[in-house]
């Protein structure tokens, strides 16, 4: 039976290994050797606040059914079938709510605001 033997190994030797590791760290510390290399300094990352844009567009006014339940990729797939006015509604709603860059970039591309 290997399972009981494995349980004995874990129950007995794992704590012994942990004690040995701690003892070695204490010996290094007492000799003045560094226990671990100092962590290099990293530049502080400051999150940028989202700019909330007021929107007069309600989700039920959007030309894409179930817009709020669609992933960005699903919205992008439907944008080519929309008119310029409908695309602007989608862009205004997206800027005011979800800020999905893939959707906004596709709208910009389709309306001629971006090359490509």
C-alpha atoms as a PDB file:
ATOM      1  CA  UNK A   1       0.000   0.000   0.000  1.00  0.00           C
ATOM      2  CA  UNK A   2       1.679   3.127  -1.185  1.00  0.00           C
ATOM      3  CA  UNK A   3      -0.896   5.628   0.052  1.00  0.00           C
ATOM      4  CA  UNK A   4      -0.305   5.151   3.818  1.00  0.00           C
ATOM      5  CA  UNK A   5       3.444   5.263   3.214  1.00  0.00           C
ATOM      6  CA  UNK A   6       3.042   8.532   1.315  1.00  0.00           C
ATOM      7  CA  UNK A   7       0.968   9.969   4.143  1.00  0.00           C
ATOM      8  CA  UNK A   8       3.671   9.009   6.642  1.00  0.00           C
ATOM      9  CA  UNK A   9       6.326  10.619   4.432  1.00  0.00           C
ATOM     10  CA  UNK A  10       4.360  13.845   4.190  1.00  0.00           C
ATOM     11  CA  UNK A  11       3.445  13.872   7.879  1.00  0.00           C
ATOM     12  CA  UNK A  12       6.983  13.163   9.089  1.00  0.00           C
ATOM     13  CA  UNK A  13       9.409  14.489   6.530  1.00  0.00           C
ATOM     14  CA  UNK A  14       7.646  17.670   5.384  1.00  0.00           C
ATOM     15  CA  UNK A  15       7.822  19.248   8.856  1.00  0.00           C
ATOM     16  CA  UNK A  16      11.428  18.095   9.196  1.00  0.00           C
ATOM     17  CA  UNK A  17      12.269  19.725   5.876  1.00  0.00           C
ATOM     18  CA  UNK A  18      10.611  22.945   6.965  1.00  0.00           C
ATOM     19  CA  UNK A  19      12.565  22.951  10.229  1.00  0.00           C
ATOM     20  CA  UNK A  20      15.817  22.311   8.348  1.00  0.00           C
ATOM     21  CA  UNK A  21      15.098  25.178   5.967  1.00  0.00           C
ATOM     22  CA  UNK A  22      14.365  27.567   8.829  1.00  0.00           C
ATOM     23  CA  UNK A  23      17.493  26.446  10.680  1.00  0.00           C
ATOM     24  CA  UNK A  24      19.653  27.037   7.607  1.00  0.00           C
ATOM     25  CA  UNK A  25      18.170  30.517   7.172  1.00  0.00           C
ATOM     26  CA  UNK A  26      18.862  31.286  10.852  1.00  0.00           C
ATOM     27  CA  UNK A  27      22.487  30.123  10.458  1.00  0.00           C
ATOM     28  CA  UNK A  28      22.968  32.333   7.399  1.00  0.00           C
ATOM     29  CA  UNK A  29      21.468  35.272   9.228  1.00  0.00           C
ATOM     30  CA  UNK A  30      23.709  34.727  12.268  1.00  0.00           C
ATOM     31  CA  UNK A  31      26.793  34.665  10.007  1.00  0.00           C
ATOM     32  CA  UNK A  32      25.728  37.956   8.454  1.00  0.00           C
ATOM     33  CA  UNK A  33      25.063  36.496   5.029  1.00  0.00           C
ATOM     34  CA  UNK A  34      22.077  37.925   3.252  1.00  0.00           C
ATOM     35  CA  UNK A  35      19.062  35.662   3.431  1.00  0.00           C
ATOM     36  CA  UNK A  36      17.627  36.891   0.158  1.00  0.00           C
ATOM     37  CA  UNK A  37      18.670  39.382  -2.464  1.00  0.00           C
ATOM     38  CA  UNK A  38      17.022  42.752  -2.015  1.00  0.00           C
ATOM     39  CA  UNK A  39      14.094  43.291  -4.286  1.00  0.00           C
ATOM     40  CA  UNK A  40      14.869  45.797  -7.042  1.00  0.00           C
ATOM     41  CA  UNK A  41      12.954  49.029  -6.809  1.00  0.00           C
ATOM     42  CA  UNK A  42      10.079  49.334  -9.198  1.00  0.00           C
ATOM     43  CA  UNK A  43       8.471  52.488 -10.459  1.00  0.00           C
ATOM     44  CA  UNK A  44       5.191  53.175  -8.771  1.00  0.00           C
ATOM     45  CA  UNK A  45       2.218  52.377 -10.954  1.00  0.00           C
ATOM     46  CA  UNK A  46      -0.519  54.915 -10.478  1.00  0.00           C
ATOM     47  CA  UNK A  47      -3.887  53.887 -11.882  1.00  0.00           C
ATOM     48  CA  UNK A  48      -5.371  56.454 -14.186  1.00  0.00           C
ATOM     49  CA  UNK A  49      -8.931  57.473 -13.368  1.00  0.00           C
ATOM     50  CA  UNK A  50     -11.550  56.755 -15.970  1.00  0.00           C
ATOM     51  CA  UNK A  51     -13.048  59.751 -17.608  1.00  0.00           C
ATOM     52  CA  UNK A  52     -16.786  59.426 -17.356  1.00  0.00           C
ATOM     53  CA  UNK A  53     -18.607  60.925 -20.281  1.00  0.00           C
ATOM     54  CA  UNK A  54     -22.226  61.877 -19.857  1.00  0.00           C
ATOM     55  CA  UNK A  55     -24.354  60.071 -22.393  1.00  0.00           C
ATOM     56  CA  UNK A  56     -27.857  60.793 -23.478  1.00  0.00           C
ATOM     57  CA  UNK A  57     -27.995  57.418 -25.238  1.00  0.00           C
ATOM     58  CA  UNK A  58     -29.950  54.711 -23.441  1.00  0.00           C
ATOM     59  CA  UNK A  59     -29.139  51.059 -24.039  1.00  0.00           C
ATOM     60  CA  UNK A  60     -32.575  50.467 -25.579  1.00  0.00           C
ATOM     61  CA  UNK A  61     -31.796  53.121 -28.215  1.00  0.00           C
ATOM     62  CA  UNK A  62     -28.785  51.203 -29.511  1.00  0.00           C
ATOM     63  CA  UNK A  63     -29.130  49.462 -32.880  1.00  0.00           C
ATOM     64  CA  UNK A  64     -27.591  46.237 -31.527  1.00  0.00           C
ATOM     65  CA  UNK A  65     -29.997  43.983 -29.648  1.00  0.00           C
ATOM     66  CA  UNK A  66     -28.801  42.861 -26.214  1.00  0.00           C
ATOM     67  CA  UNK A  67     -25.799  45.217 -26.374  1.00  0.00           C
ATOM     68  CA  UNK A  68     -25.056  45.114 -22.647  1.00  0.00           C
ATOM     69  CA  UNK A  69     -24.886  41.316 -22.685  1.00  0.00           C
ATOM     70  CA  UNK A  70     -22.460  41.047 -25.605  1.00  0.00           C
ATOM     71  CA  UNK A  71     -18.706  40.629 -25.410  1.00  0.00           C
ATOM     72  CA  UNK A  72     -16.625  43.244 -27.207  1.00  0.00           C
ATOM     73  CA  UNK A  73     -15.814  40.775 -29.994  1.00  0.00           C
ATOM     74  CA  UNK A  74     -19.524  40.150 -30.563  1.00  0.00           C
ATOM     75  CA  UNK A  75     -20.220  43.886 -30.771  1.00  0.00           C
ATOM     76  CA  UNK A  76     -17.302  44.438 -33.170  1.00  0.00           C
ATOM     77  CA  UNK A  77     -18.674  41.694 -35.441  1.00  0.00           C
ATOM     78  CA  UNK A  78     -21.993  43.564 -35.733  1.00  0.00           C
ATOM     79  CA  UNK A  79     -20.657  47.091 -36.333  1.00  0.00           C
ATOM     80  CA  UNK A  80     -20.046  46.829 -40.100  1.00  0.00           C
ATOM     81  CA  UNK A  81     -23.790  46.555 -40.731  1.00  0.00           C
ATOM     82  CA  UNK A  82     -24.572  49.875 -39.005  1.00  0.00           C
ATOM     83  CA  UNK A  83     -24.968  53.349 -40.469  1.00  0.00           C
ATOM     84  CA  UNK A  84     -22.692  56.247 -39.513  1.00  0.00           C
ATOM     85  CA  UNK A  85     -25.369  57.653 -37.175  1.00  0.00           C
ATOM     86  CA  UNK A  86     -25.836  54.270 -35.503  1.00  0.00           C
ATOM     87  CA  UNK A  87     -22.072  53.892 -35.108  1.00  0.00           C
ATOM     88  CA  UNK A  88     -21.933  57.284 -33.387  1.00  0.00           C
ATOM     89  CA  UNK A  89     -24.674  56.168 -30.951  1.00  0.00           C
ATOM     90  CA  UNK A  90     -22.680  53.044 -30.145  1.00  0.00           C
ATOM     91  CA  UNK A  91     -19.477  55.063 -29.669  1.00  0.00           C
ATOM     92  CA  UNK A  92     -21.165  57.590 -27.391  1.00  0.00           C
ATOM     93  CA  UNK A  93     -22.728  54.847 -25.282  1.00  0.00           C
ATOM     94  CA  UNK A  94     -19.452  52.902 -25.127  1.00  0.00           C
ATOM     95  CA  UNK A  95     -17.439  55.968 -24.054  1.00  0.00           C
ATOM     96  CA  UNK A  96     -19.953  56.661 -21.287  1.00  0.00           C
ATOM     97  CA  UNK A  97     -20.192  53.097 -19.979  1.00  0.00           C
ATOM     98  CA  UNK A  98     -17.784  50.274 -20.789  1.00  0.00           C
ATOM     99  CA  UNK A  99     -14.797  52.041 -22.443  1.00  0.00           C
ATOM    100  CA  UNK A 100     -13.952  48.975 -24.547  1.00  0.00           C
ATOM    101  CA  UNK A 101     -11.109  50.087 -26.788  1.00  0.00           C
ATOM    102  CA  UNK A 102     -11.690  47.378 -29.382  1.00  0.00           C
ATOM    103  CA  UNK A 103     -15.245  48.598 -29.946  1.00  0.00           C
ATOM    104  CA  UNK A 104     -14.247  52.266 -30.061  1.00  0.00           C
ATOM    105  CA  UNK A 105     -11.357  51.539 -32.444  1.00  0.00           C
ATOM    106  CA  UNK A 106     -13.619  49.613 -34.826  1.00  0.00           C
ATOM    107  CA  UNK A 107     -16.176  52.428 -34.808  1.00  0.00           C
ATOM    108  CA  UNK A 108     -13.399  54.913 -35.566  1.00  0.00           C
ATOM    109  CA  UNK A 109     -12.145  52.713 -38.390  1.00  0.00           C
ATOM    110  CA  UNK A 110     -15.610  52.328 -39.934  1.00  0.00           C
ATOM    111  CA  UNK A 111     -16.369  56.038 -39.705  1.00  0.00           C
ATOM    112  CA  UNK A 112     -13.075  56.962 -41.330  1.00  0.00           C
ATOM    113  CA  UNK A 113     -11.538  58.437 -38.185  1.00  0.00           C
ATOM    114  CA  UNK A 114      -8.698  55.892 -38.300  1.00  0.00           C
ATOM    115  CA  UNK A 115      -6.770  54.494 -41.241  1.00  0.00           C
ATOM    116  CA  UNK A 116      -7.195  50.889 -42.081  1.00  0.00           C
END
